[in-house]
Amino acid sequence: MAARTDTVRTTDAAASAPRTGRPLALLVWALVLLGAFGLMGLFVSLHAEGPFTQPIDDWWRRLVGAAPDGGSHTWFLPMFFQYLGEAPGALFMVILLPVGLAVVGRWRSALFVFASCLVSLGLYSQGMKNLVDRPRPAADELLSLFGPLFTVDHGSFPSGHAVAAGALVVIIAALIPAERPALRLTWWIIGALIGVGMMWQRTLINAHWLSDTFFGIVAGVAGVLLMWWAFWPWLQRDYGRPVWFLHLRRRTSVAA
């Protein structure tokens, strides 16, 4: 009985022991992507009506932009991305996911998720929107182009929906232990599809230029990578920790 109890205590201690040594690559990528995002924001601020990406943005808009009387923007897939970047997605990222992590005893991971949302969705996205305030695509009857097909706020750069998509992908990846490479790889593939899908949907409904969505993804990824680096020791402590009520059940069975 004593041996079993010692084994449980040793396992618990190993699960809670911090593994320090933050990966430098996370910080480097976070700063590189932040620099790219900031540089693009500077270019847009200098010529908000037509930055250097405007020819590509115009070409893409003519290629994928939908008309209001069609149904290409209202079926399941585009509406999934629409809601992912609005209240349902925000509810999951900012409240449900952190609360769920805290409930199962991973409060460090919950703080990581909340801080990631604060930096990416708050500081990077809204901060840049207010600094740059790029005009959104406008209707042009002569070219049969249309404006946003859903209600939007001010500022086209960056796409807040794209920031949320990029942030969500990296947040979930960070919560998956490195010891589960197959699971993490599967999620990266799904995450890539989410990012591309969000870029497609935001330009399909004429809410953003293509560059708004691309650099929105960049901003979301950059913000979470920075928090992943900052919270690295705490996330390591949460990996492998049993859910607290399963942990309690195990202790009870050993004591019996």
Protein backbone atom coordinates (compact mmCIF):
# COMPACT_ATOMS: atom_id res chain seq x y z
CA MET A 1 0.00 0.00 0.00
CA ALA A 2 2.82 2.42 0.91
CA ALA A 3 4.59 1.67 -2.35
CA ARG A 4 1.46 2.44 -4.36
CA THR A 5 0.97 5.69 -2.47
CA ASP A 6 4.59 6.70 -3.15
CA THR A 7 4.12 5.92 -6.81
CA VAL A 8 1.06 8.17 -7.00
CA ARG A 9 2.91 10.99 -5.25
CA THR A 10 5.89 10.63 -7.57
CA THR A 11 3.62 10.76 -10.63
CA ASP A 12 1.82 13.82 -9.28
CA ALA A 13 5.10 15.58 -8.61
CA ALA A 14 6.41 14.80 -12.09
CA ALA A 15 3.21 16.09 -13.66
CA SER A 16 3.39 19.35 -11.76
CA ALA A 17 7.14 19.92 -12.06
CA PRO A 18 7.90 22.88 -14.33
CA ARG A 19 10.05 22.41 -17.40
CA THR A 20 11.71 25.73 -18.12
CA GLY A 21 13.85 26.80 -21.04
CA ARG A 22 11.51 28.65 -23.35
CA PRO A 23 12.11 27.80 -27.04
CA LEU A 24 13.82 30.75 -28.71
CA ALA A 25 12.15 29.87 -32.01
CA LEU A 26 8.72 30.78 -30.62
CA LEU A 27 9.91 34.24 -29.63
CA VAL A 28 11.76 34.79 -32.91
CA TRP A 29 8.74 33.82 -35.02
CA ALA A 30 6.43 35.93 -32.85
CA LEU A 31 8.63 39.01 -33.34
CA VAL A 32 9.21 38.38 -37.06
CA LEU A 33 5.48 38.03 -37.73
CA LEU A 34 4.70 41.03 -35.53
CA GLY A 35 7.27 43.03 -37.47
CA ALA A 36 5.68 42.01 -40.79
CA PHE A 37 2.25 42.92 -39.47
CA GLY A 38 3.46 46.28 -38.17
CA LEU A 39 5.30 47.07 -41.41
CA MET A 40 2.19 46.33 -43.45
CA GLY A 41 0.20 48.52 -41.09
CA LEU A 42 2.67 51.34 -41.74
CA PHE A 43 2.34 50.93 -45.51
CA VAL A 44 -1.45 50.99 -45.24
CA SER A 45 -1.41 54.05 -43.00
CA LEU A 46 0.71 55.93 -45.55
CA HIS A 47 -1.70 55.14 -48.40
CA ALA A 48 -4.90 53.70 -46.94
CA GLU A 49 -6.82 54.05 -50.23
CA GLY A 50 -4.35 51.94 -52.16
CA PRO A 51 -1.33 50.27 -50.53
CA PHE A 52 1.18 48.30 -52.60
CA THR A 53 -1.00 45.19 -52.34
CA GLN A 54 -3.98 46.91 -53.98
CA PRO A 55 -3.52 45.36 -57.47
CA ILE A 56 -3.63 41.85 -55.96
CA ASP A 57 -6.49 42.86 -53.66
CA ASP A 58 -8.51 44.18 -56.64
CA TRP A 59 -7.83 41.08 -58.72
CA TRP A 60 -8.90 38.76 -55.90
CA ARG A 61 -12.02 40.79 -55.22
CA ARG A 62 -13.11 40.54 -58.86
CA LEU A 63 -12.44 36.81 -58.72
CA VAL A 64 -14.33 35.81 -55.55
CA GLY A 65 -16.56 38.73 -54.49
CA ALA A 66 -20.22 37.68 -54.21
CA ALA A 67 -23.37 39.54 -55.19
CA PRO A 68 -26.08 40.24 -52.59
CA ASP A 69 -28.78 38.46 -54.57
CA GLY A 70 -26.85 35.19 -54.83
CA GLY A 71 -26.63 32.36 -52.32
CA SER A 72 -22.89 31.71 -52.41
CA HIS A 73 -22.31 33.59 -49.17
CA THR A 74 -25.20 32.24 -47.07
CA TRP A 75 -24.80 28.46 -47.12
CA PHE A 76 -23.30 26.45 -44.26
CA LEU A 77 -19.55 26.84 -44.89
CA PRO A 78 -19.31 30.63 -45.27
CA MET A 79 -21.73 31.11 -42.39
CA PHE A 80 -19.57 28.85 -40.20
CA PHE A 81 -16.64 31.24 -40.72
CA GLN A 82 -18.91 34.23 -40.27
CA TYR A 83 -19.99 33.05 -36.82
CA LEU A 84 -16.50 31.84 -35.90
CA GLY A 85 -15.30 35.43 -35.89
CA GLU A 86 -18.39 36.86 -34.19
CA ALA A 87 -20.16 36.30 -30.88
CA PRO A 88 -20.24 32.46 -30.97
CA GLY A 89 -16.52 32.23 -31.71
CA ALA A 90 -15.65 34.91 -29.16
CA LEU A 91 -17.79 33.14 -26.57
CA PHE A 92 -15.85 29.93 -27.10
CA MET A 93 -12.39 31.51 -27.17
CA VAL A 94 -12.72 34.09 -24.41
CA ILE A 95 -15.11 32.35 -22.01
CA LEU A 96 -15.96 28.70 -22.63
CA LEU A 97 -12.45 27.42 -23.38
CA PRO A 98 -10.71 29.20 -20.45
CA VAL A 99 -13.51 28.30 -18.05
CA GLY A 100 -13.46 24.68 -19.21
CA LEU A 101 -9.69 24.49 -18.69
CA ALA A 102 -10.00 26.04 -15.24
CA VAL A 103 -12.76 23.62 -14.26
CA VAL A 104 -10.60 20.59 -15.05
CA GLY A 105 -7.72 22.06 -13.05
CA ARG A 106 -5.63 23.59 -15.82
CA TRP A 107 -5.86 27.20 -14.69
CA ARG A 108 -2.44 28.01 -16.13
CA SER A 109 -3.63 27.02 -19.58
CA ALA A 110 -6.80 29.05 -19.01
CA LEU A 111 -4.70 32.14 -18.29
CA PHE A 112 -2.69 31.46 -21.43
CA VAL A 113 -5.85 31.35 -23.56
CA PHE A 114 -7.23 34.54 -22.01
CA ALA A 115 -3.92 36.40 -22.41
CA SER A 116 -3.63 35.22 -26.02
CA CYS A 117 -7.08 36.57 -26.84
CA LEU A 118 -6.30 39.84 -25.10
CA VAL A 119 -3.09 40.37 -27.07
CA SER A 120 -4.23 39.16 -30.50
CA LEU A 121 -7.92 40.12 -30.61
CA GLY A 122 -7.56 43.20 -28.45
CA LEU A 123 -4.14 44.82 -28.75
CA TYR A 124 -3.08 43.73 -32.23
CA SER A 125 -6.43 43.70 -34.03
CA GLN A 126 -8.32 46.62 -32.53
CA GLY A 127 -5.16 48.65 -31.97
CA MET A 128 -4.19 48.45 -35.63
CA LYS A 129 -7.74 49.06 -36.83
CA ASN A 130 -7.84 52.36 -34.96
CA LEU A 131 -4.37 53.39 -36.08
CA VAL A 132 -4.85 52.60 -39.77
CA ASP A 133 -8.62 52.72 -40.48
CA ARG A 134 -8.37 51.37 -44.04
CA PRO A 135 -11.58 51.77 -46.08
CA ARG A 136 -13.48 48.58 -46.78
CA PRO A 137 -14.32 47.49 -50.32
CA ALA A 138 -16.99 49.78 -51.75
CA ALA A 139 -19.67 49.09 -54.33
CA ASP A 140 -18.82 49.88 -57.95
CA GLU A 141 -21.80 49.41 -60.27
CA LEU A 142 -19.75 49.92 -63.44
CA LEU A 143 -17.54 46.95 -62.55
CA SER A 144 -20.40 44.93 -60.97
CA LEU A 145 -18.63 44.97 -57.62
CA PHE A 146 -20.42 45.10 -54.29
CA GLY A 147 -19.71 46.29 -50.78
CA PRO A 148 -19.85 44.22 -47.58
CA LEU A 149 -22.78 41.81 -47.53
CA PHE A 150 -22.91 41.70 -43.72
CA THR A 151 -22.77 44.42 -41.10
CA VAL A 152 -19.18 45.49 -40.42
CA ASP A 153 -17.46 47.96 -38.12
CA HIS A 154 -14.89 50.58 -39.05
CA GLY A 155 -11.49 49.74 -40.45
CA SER A 156 -10.73 47.02 -42.95
CA PHE A 157 -7.15 46.32 -41.84
CA PRO A 158 -6.71 43.82 -40.32
CA SER A 159 -9.63 41.44 -40.56
CA GLY A 160 -10.75 40.74 -37.00
CA HIS A 161 -12.26 37.45 -38.12
CA ALA A 162 -8.91 36.40 -39.61
CA VAL A 163 -7.07 37.44 -36.44
CA ALA A 164 -9.45 35.25 -34.43
CA ALA A 165 -8.92 32.31 -36.79
CA GLY A 166 -5.14 32.57 -36.62
CA ALA A 167 -5.23 32.91 -32.85
CA LEU A 168 -7.58 29.96 -32.37
CA VAL A 169 -5.42 27.64 -34.48
CA VAL A 170 -2.25 28.35 -32.49
CA ILE A 171 -4.04 28.35 -29.12
CA ILE A 172 -5.35 24.83 -29.68
CA ALA A 173 -1.96 23.68 -31.00
CA ALA A 174 -0.27 25.03 -27.86
CA LEU A 175 -2.67 23.11 -25.65
CA ILE A 176 -1.73 19.81 -27.32
CA PRO A 177 1.39 18.25 -25.71
CA ALA A 178 4.40 17.71 -27.94
CA GLU A 179 4.20 14.06 -26.86
CA ARG A 180 1.09 13.81 -29.09
CA PRO A 181 2.72 14.61 -32.46
CA ALA A 182 0.06 12.89 -34.56
CA LEU A 183 -2.72 14.84 -32.85
CA ARG A 184 -0.85 18.11 -33.15
CA LEU A 185 -0.09 17.48 -36.85
CA THR A 186 -3.73 16.68 -37.51
CA TRP A 187 -4.74 19.91 -35.84
CA TRP A 188 -2.18 21.92 -37.85
CA ILE A 189 -3.74 20.57 -41.04
CA ILE A 190 -7.24 21.44 -39.82
CA GLY A 191 -5.95 24.82 -38.69
CA ALA A 192 -4.50 25.57 -42.12
CA LEU A 193 -7.91 24.86 -43.65
CA ILE A 194 -9.54 27.15 -41.09
CA GLY A 195 -7.13 29.97 -41.95
CA VAL A 196 -7.59 29.63 -45.71
CA GLY A 197 -11.34 29.26 -45.28
CA MET A 198 -11.56 32.44 -43.23
CA MET A 199 -9.58 34.39 -45.83
CA TRP A 200 -11.92 33.10 -48.51
CA GLN A 201 -15.10 33.92 -46.59
CA ARG A 202 -14.11 37.46 -45.61
CA THR A 203 -13.30 38.32 -49.21
CA LEU A 204 -16.31 36.41 -50.56
CA ILE A 205 -18.66 38.74 -48.67
CA ASN A 206 -16.64 41.83 -49.70
CA ALA A 207 -15.93 42.68 -46.07
CA HIS A 208 -12.15 42.83 -46.52
CA TRP A 209 -9.35 43.00 -49.00
CA LEU A 210 -7.24 39.88 -49.38
CA SER A 211 -4.25 41.55 -47.67
CA ASP A 212 -6.48 42.39 -44.68
CA THR A 213 -7.20 38.72 -44.17
CA PHE A 214 -3.65 37.49 -44.77
CA PHE A 215 -2.14 39.90 -42.30
CA GLY A 216 -5.02 39.24 -39.93
CA ILE A 217 -3.91 35.61 -39.80
CA VAL A 218 -0.34 36.81 -39.28
CA ALA A 219 -1.40 39.03 -36.37
CA GLY A 220 -3.38 36.27 -34.67
CA VAL A 221 -0.53 33.78 -35.00
CA ALA A 222 2.05 36.34 -33.83
CA GLY A 223 0.09 37.25 -30.71
CA VAL A 224 -0.42 33.66 -29.59
CA LEU A 225 3.16 32.61 -30.38
CA LEU A 226 4.35 35.39 -28.08
CA MET A 227 2.06 34.18 -25.31
CA TRP A 228 3.03 30.56 -25.97
CA TRP A 229 6.65 31.56 -25.38
CA ALA A 230 5.75 33.59 -22.26
CA PHE A 231 3.56 30.87 -20.75
CA TRP A 232 5.81 27.96 -21.82
CA PRO A 233 6.79 26.78 -18.30
CA TRP A 234 3.18 26.91 -17.11
CA LEU A 235 1.88 25.04 -20.15
CA GLN A 236 4.53 22.38 -19.58
CA ARG A 237 3.23 21.93 -16.03
CA ASP A 238 -0.30 21.40 -17.30
CA TYR A 239 0.63 18.78 -19.90
CA GLY A 240 -0.17 15.33 -18.60
CA ARG A 241 -1.91 16.55 -15.46
CA PRO A 242 -4.95 14.37 -14.76
CA VAL A 243 -8.35 15.98 -14.55
CA TRP A 244 -8.81 16.84 -10.90
CA PHE A 245 -11.84 14.60 -10.27
CA LEU A 246 -10.09 11.67 -11.93
CA HIS A 247 -7.06 12.54 -9.84
CA LEU A 248 -9.24 12.51 -6.71
CA ARG A 249 -10.79 9.18 -7.70
CA ARG A 250 -7.32 7.67 -8.09
CA ARG A 251 -6.25 8.88 -4.67
CA THR A 252 -9.42 7.46 -3.15
CA SER A 253 -8.84 4.06 -4.75
CA VAL A 254 -5.23 3.98 -3.51
CA ALA A 255 -6.26 4.93 0.00
CA ALA A 256 -8.85 2.14 0.00
